[in-house]
Amino acid sequence: MRCPNCGSPVMVYANRWECGYCGDCGVLRTRKTVPEPAQMQHATLTVKFINKLDFDAAWSKMKESLSQRAEKLVSPSGAMY
C-alpha cells in the first residue's frame, strides 16, 4: 500500500497505516467479502432429456435423401448440371 498524500510505501499496524516519509496516517476499513443473503443471486438449472436416436433409421433416411438429390442433379442424358 502507498500513501495517498506522497506515494511512499506505508507501514501497516493492525487497522491503521502510517507514512514514514510525510507522516500522514489513517484507519484501514475492512471490506465485506461475503454478500449478504438478500443480495445473493440464485442460479437455476434446467435439464432437458432427449429421446435416444435410432441411428440405423437416421442413416437410412440420410442415404435415401442423398440419392434423391443426386438423381435431381443428373440429367436424363447422364450429364451433370
N, C-alpha and C. Protein backbone atom coordinates (compact mmCIF):
# COMPACT_ATOMS: atom_id res chain seq x y z
N MET A 1 0.85 -1.18 0.00
CA MET A 1 0.00 0.00 0.00
C MET A 1 0.89 1.23 0.00
N ARG A 2 0.43 2.27 -0.67
CA ARG A 2 1.19 3.52 -0.75
C ARG A 2 0.38 4.66 -0.15
N CYS A 3 1.10 5.66 0.29
CA CYS A 3 0.48 6.83 0.90
C CYS A 3 -0.31 7.60 -0.15
N PRO A 4 -1.56 7.95 0.13
CA PRO A 4 -2.34 8.72 -0.84
C PRO A 4 -1.84 10.16 -0.97
N ASN A 5 -1.08 10.64 0.02
CA ASN A 5 -0.59 12.02 0.03
C ASN A 5 0.69 12.17 -0.79
N CYS A 6 1.72 11.31 -0.52
CA CYS A 6 3.02 11.47 -1.18
C CYS A 6 3.41 10.29 -2.06
N GLY A 7 2.73 9.15 -1.96
CA GLY A 7 3.03 8.00 -2.79
C GLY A 7 4.09 7.07 -2.25
N SER A 8 4.65 7.35 -1.08
CA SER A 8 5.65 6.47 -0.48
C SER A 8 5.00 5.24 0.13
N PRO A 9 5.75 4.13 0.26
CA PRO A 9 5.20 2.96 0.94
C PRO A 9 4.86 3.29 2.39
N VAL A 10 3.81 2.66 2.92
CA VAL A 10 3.37 2.94 4.29
C VAL A 10 3.58 1.72 5.16
N MET A 11 3.59 1.95 6.47
CA MET A 11 3.66 0.87 7.45
C MET A 11 2.24 0.61 7.92
N VAL A 12 1.88 -0.67 8.04
CA VAL A 12 0.54 -1.04 8.47
C VAL A 12 0.62 -1.64 9.86
N TYR A 13 -0.18 -1.11 10.77
CA TYR A 13 -0.27 -1.59 12.15
C TYR A 13 -1.72 -1.92 12.45
N ALA A 14 -2.04 -3.21 12.57
CA ALA A 14 -3.41 -3.68 12.86
C ALA A 14 -4.38 -3.06 11.86
N ASN A 15 -5.19 -2.09 12.28
CA ASN A 15 -6.16 -1.48 11.37
C ASN A 15 -5.81 -0.04 11.02
N ARG A 16 -4.54 0.33 11.19
CA ARG A 16 -4.08 1.69 10.89
C ARG A 16 -2.87 1.64 9.95
N TRP A 17 -2.65 2.69 9.19
CA TRP A 17 -1.46 2.80 8.35
C TRP A 17 -0.79 4.14 8.66
N GLU A 18 0.53 4.19 8.43
CA GLU A 18 1.29 5.42 8.69
C GLU A 18 2.41 5.54 7.66
N CYS A 19 2.55 6.76 7.11
CA CYS A 19 3.60 7.03 6.14
C CYS A 19 4.85 7.47 6.88
N GLY A 20 5.97 6.81 6.63
CA GLY A 20 7.22 7.18 7.29
C GLY A 20 7.85 8.41 6.68
N TYR A 21 7.45 8.82 5.49
CA TYR A 21 8.05 9.97 4.83
C TYR A 21 7.35 11.28 5.20
N CYS A 22 6.03 11.35 5.00
CA CYS A 22 5.33 12.61 5.26
C CYS A 22 4.57 12.60 6.58
N GLY A 23 4.44 11.44 7.21
CA GLY A 23 3.75 11.37 8.50
C GLY A 23 2.24 11.22 8.41
N ASP A 24 1.71 11.16 7.21
CA ASP A 24 0.26 11.00 7.06
C ASP A 24 -0.13 9.63 7.61
N CYS A 25 -1.37 9.53 8.11
CA CYS A 25 -1.83 8.26 8.66
C CYS A 25 -3.34 8.15 8.49
N GLY A 26 -3.86 6.94 8.74
CA GLY A 26 -5.29 6.75 8.60
C GLY A 26 -5.72 5.39 9.10
N VAL A 27 -7.03 5.16 9.05
CA VAL A 27 -7.61 3.91 9.51
C VAL A 27 -7.92 3.04 8.29
N LEU A 28 -7.60 1.76 8.39
CA LEU A 28 -7.94 0.82 7.32
C LEU A 28 -9.35 0.32 7.54
N ARG A 29 -10.15 0.39 6.50
CA ARG A 29 -11.51 -0.13 6.58
C ARG A 29 -11.52 -1.52 5.98
N THR A 30 -12.29 -2.41 6.55
CA THR A 30 -12.40 -3.77 6.01
C THR A 30 -13.54 -3.82 5.01
N ARG A 31 -13.37 -4.66 4.02
CA ARG A 31 -14.41 -4.86 3.01
C ARG A 31 -15.20 -6.10 3.36
N LYS A 32 -16.48 -6.09 3.04
CA LYS A 32 -17.29 -7.29 3.20
C LYS A 32 -17.00 -8.19 2.01
N THR A 33 -16.48 -9.37 2.29
CA THR A 33 -16.16 -10.29 1.21
C THR A 33 -17.29 -11.26 0.90
N VAL A 34 -18.19 -11.45 1.84
CA VAL A 34 -19.30 -12.39 1.64
C VAL A 34 -20.57 -11.57 1.42
N PRO A 35 -21.27 -11.76 0.29
CA PRO A 35 -22.50 -11.00 0.08
C PRO A 35 -23.58 -11.40 1.08
N GLU A 36 -24.38 -10.44 1.40
CA GLU A 36 -25.47 -10.70 2.34
C GLU A 36 -26.52 -11.57 1.65
N PRO A 37 -27.26 -12.39 2.41
CA PRO A 37 -28.23 -13.30 1.79
C PRO A 37 -29.24 -12.61 0.88
N ALA A 38 -29.65 -11.39 1.20
CA ALA A 38 -30.63 -10.69 0.37
C ALA A 38 -30.03 -10.30 -0.97
N GLN A 39 -28.69 -10.13 -1.03
CA GLN A 39 -28.04 -9.70 -2.27
C GLN A 39 -27.57 -10.88 -3.12
N MET A 40 -27.63 -12.08 -2.58
CA MET A 40 -27.14 -13.24 -3.32
C MET A 40 -28.09 -13.58 -4.46
N GLN A 41 -27.52 -13.94 -5.60
CA GLN A 41 -28.33 -14.36 -6.74
C GLN A 41 -28.36 -15.87 -6.78
N HIS A 42 -29.51 -16.40 -7.13
CA HIS A 42 -29.67 -17.85 -7.17
C HIS A 42 -29.58 -18.33 -8.62
N ALA A 43 -28.86 -19.39 -8.82
CA ALA A 43 -28.73 -19.97 -10.15
C ALA A 43 -29.87 -20.97 -10.38
N THR A 44 -30.29 -21.08 -11.62
CA THR A 44 -31.34 -22.01 -11.99
C THR A 44 -30.75 -23.03 -12.96
N LEU A 45 -30.99 -24.27 -12.70
CA LEU A 45 -30.51 -25.35 -13.55
C LEU A 45 -31.70 -25.98 -14.26
N THR A 46 -31.60 -26.07 -15.59
CA THR A 46 -32.65 -26.69 -16.37
C THR A 46 -32.07 -27.92 -17.05
N VAL A 47 -32.75 -29.04 -16.93
CA VAL A 47 -32.31 -30.28 -17.55
C VAL A 47 -33.36 -30.72 -18.55
N LYS A 48 -32.90 -31.04 -19.76
CA LYS A 48 -33.82 -31.48 -20.80
C LYS A 48 -33.38 -32.86 -21.26
N PHE A 49 -34.27 -33.82 -21.21
CA PHE A 49 -33.97 -35.17 -21.63
C PHE A 49 -34.36 -35.33 -23.10
N ILE A 50 -33.49 -35.95 -23.85
CA ILE A 50 -33.71 -36.18 -25.27
C ILE A 50 -33.85 -37.68 -25.50
N ASN A 51 -34.83 -38.04 -26.32
CA ASN A 51 -35.03 -39.46 -26.63
C ASN A 51 -33.80 -40.02 -27.34
N LYS A 52 -33.59 -41.30 -27.16
CA LYS A 52 -32.46 -41.97 -27.81
C LYS A 52 -32.70 -41.99 -29.31
N LEU A 53 -31.68 -41.63 -30.07
CA LEU A 53 -31.78 -41.56 -31.51
C LEU A 53 -31.54 -42.95 -32.11
N ASP A 54 -32.38 -43.32 -33.04
CA ASP A 54 -32.22 -44.59 -33.74
C ASP A 54 -31.27 -44.34 -34.92
N PHE A 55 -30.01 -44.71 -34.75
CA PHE A 55 -29.00 -44.41 -35.75
C PHE A 55 -29.24 -45.14 -37.06
N ASP A 56 -29.73 -46.36 -37.00
CA ASP A 56 -29.99 -47.11 -38.23
C ASP A 56 -31.05 -46.42 -39.08
N ALA A 57 -32.12 -45.97 -38.45
CA ALA A 57 -33.19 -45.28 -39.19
C ALA A 57 -32.69 -43.95 -39.72
N ALA A 58 -31.92 -43.22 -38.93
CA ALA A 58 -31.39 -41.93 -39.36
C ALA A 58 -30.44 -42.10 -40.54
N TRP A 59 -29.59 -43.13 -40.49
CA TRP A 59 -28.64 -43.41 -41.57
C TRP A 59 -29.39 -43.76 -42.86
N SER A 60 -30.43 -44.56 -42.75
CA SER A 60 -31.22 -44.94 -43.92
C SER A 60 -31.89 -43.73 -44.55
N LYS A 61 -32.46 -42.85 -43.73
CA LYS A 61 -33.11 -41.64 -44.24
C LYS A 61 -32.10 -40.73 -44.92
N MET A 62 -30.91 -40.62 -44.35
CA MET A 62 -29.90 -39.76 -44.93
C MET A 62 -29.44 -40.30 -46.28
N LYS A 63 -29.23 -41.61 -46.39
CA LYS A 63 -28.82 -42.21 -47.66
C LYS A 63 -29.89 -42.01 -48.72
N GLU A 64 -31.14 -42.18 -48.33
CA GLU A 64 -32.25 -42.01 -49.27
C GLU A 64 -32.32 -40.56 -49.76
N SER A 65 -32.17 -39.61 -48.84
CA SER A 65 -32.22 -38.20 -49.19
C SER A 65 -31.06 -37.83 -50.12
N LEU A 66 -29.87 -38.35 -49.86
CA LEU A 66 -28.73 -38.05 -50.71
C LEU A 66 -28.90 -38.64 -52.11
N SER A 67 -29.44 -39.84 -52.18
CA SER A 67 -29.64 -40.45 -53.51
C SER A 67 -30.69 -39.68 -54.30
N GLN A 68 -31.73 -39.17 -53.64
CA GLN A 68 -32.75 -38.38 -54.33
C GLN A 68 -32.15 -37.08 -54.86
N ARG A 69 -31.29 -36.44 -54.06
CA ARG A 69 -30.66 -35.19 -54.51
C ARG A 69 -29.70 -35.46 -55.66
N ALA A 70 -28.99 -36.57 -55.59
CA ALA A 70 -28.07 -36.91 -56.67
C ALA A 70 -28.83 -37.16 -57.96
N GLU A 71 -29.99 -37.78 -57.89
CA GLU A 71 -30.80 -38.04 -59.08
C GLU A 71 -31.28 -36.73 -59.71
N LYS A 72 -31.57 -35.72 -58.88
CA LYS A 72 -32.02 -34.43 -59.41
C LYS A 72 -30.88 -33.70 -60.12
N LEU A 73 -29.64 -33.94 -59.70
CA LEU A 73 -28.51 -33.26 -60.33
C LEU A 73 -28.14 -33.87 -61.68
N VAL A 74 -28.50 -35.10 -61.89
CA VAL A 74 -28.14 -35.79 -63.13
C VAL A 74 -29.29 -35.63 -64.13
N SER A 75 -28.96 -35.18 -65.35
CA SER A 75 -30.00 -35.01 -66.37
C SER A 75 -30.35 -36.36 -66.99
N PRO A 76 -31.43 -36.43 -67.75
CA PRO A 76 -31.80 -37.70 -68.39
C PRO A 76 -30.71 -38.25 -69.30
N SER A 77 -29.89 -37.38 -69.88
CA SER A 77 -28.83 -37.86 -70.78
C SER A 77 -27.61 -38.38 -70.01
N GLY A 78 -27.59 -38.19 -68.72
CA GLY A 78 -26.48 -38.65 -67.90
C GLY A 78 -25.47 -37.57 -67.58
N ALA A 79 -25.59 -36.40 -68.17
CA ALA A 79 -24.65 -35.30 -67.90
C ALA A 79 -25.08 -34.56 -66.63
N MET A 80 -24.10 -34.14 -65.89
CA MET A 80 -24.41 -33.41 -64.65
C MET A 80 -24.52 -31.93 -64.95
N TYR A 81 -25.37 -31.24 -64.22
CA TYR A 81 -25.54 -29.79 -64.39
C TYR A 81 -24.35 -29.07 -63.83
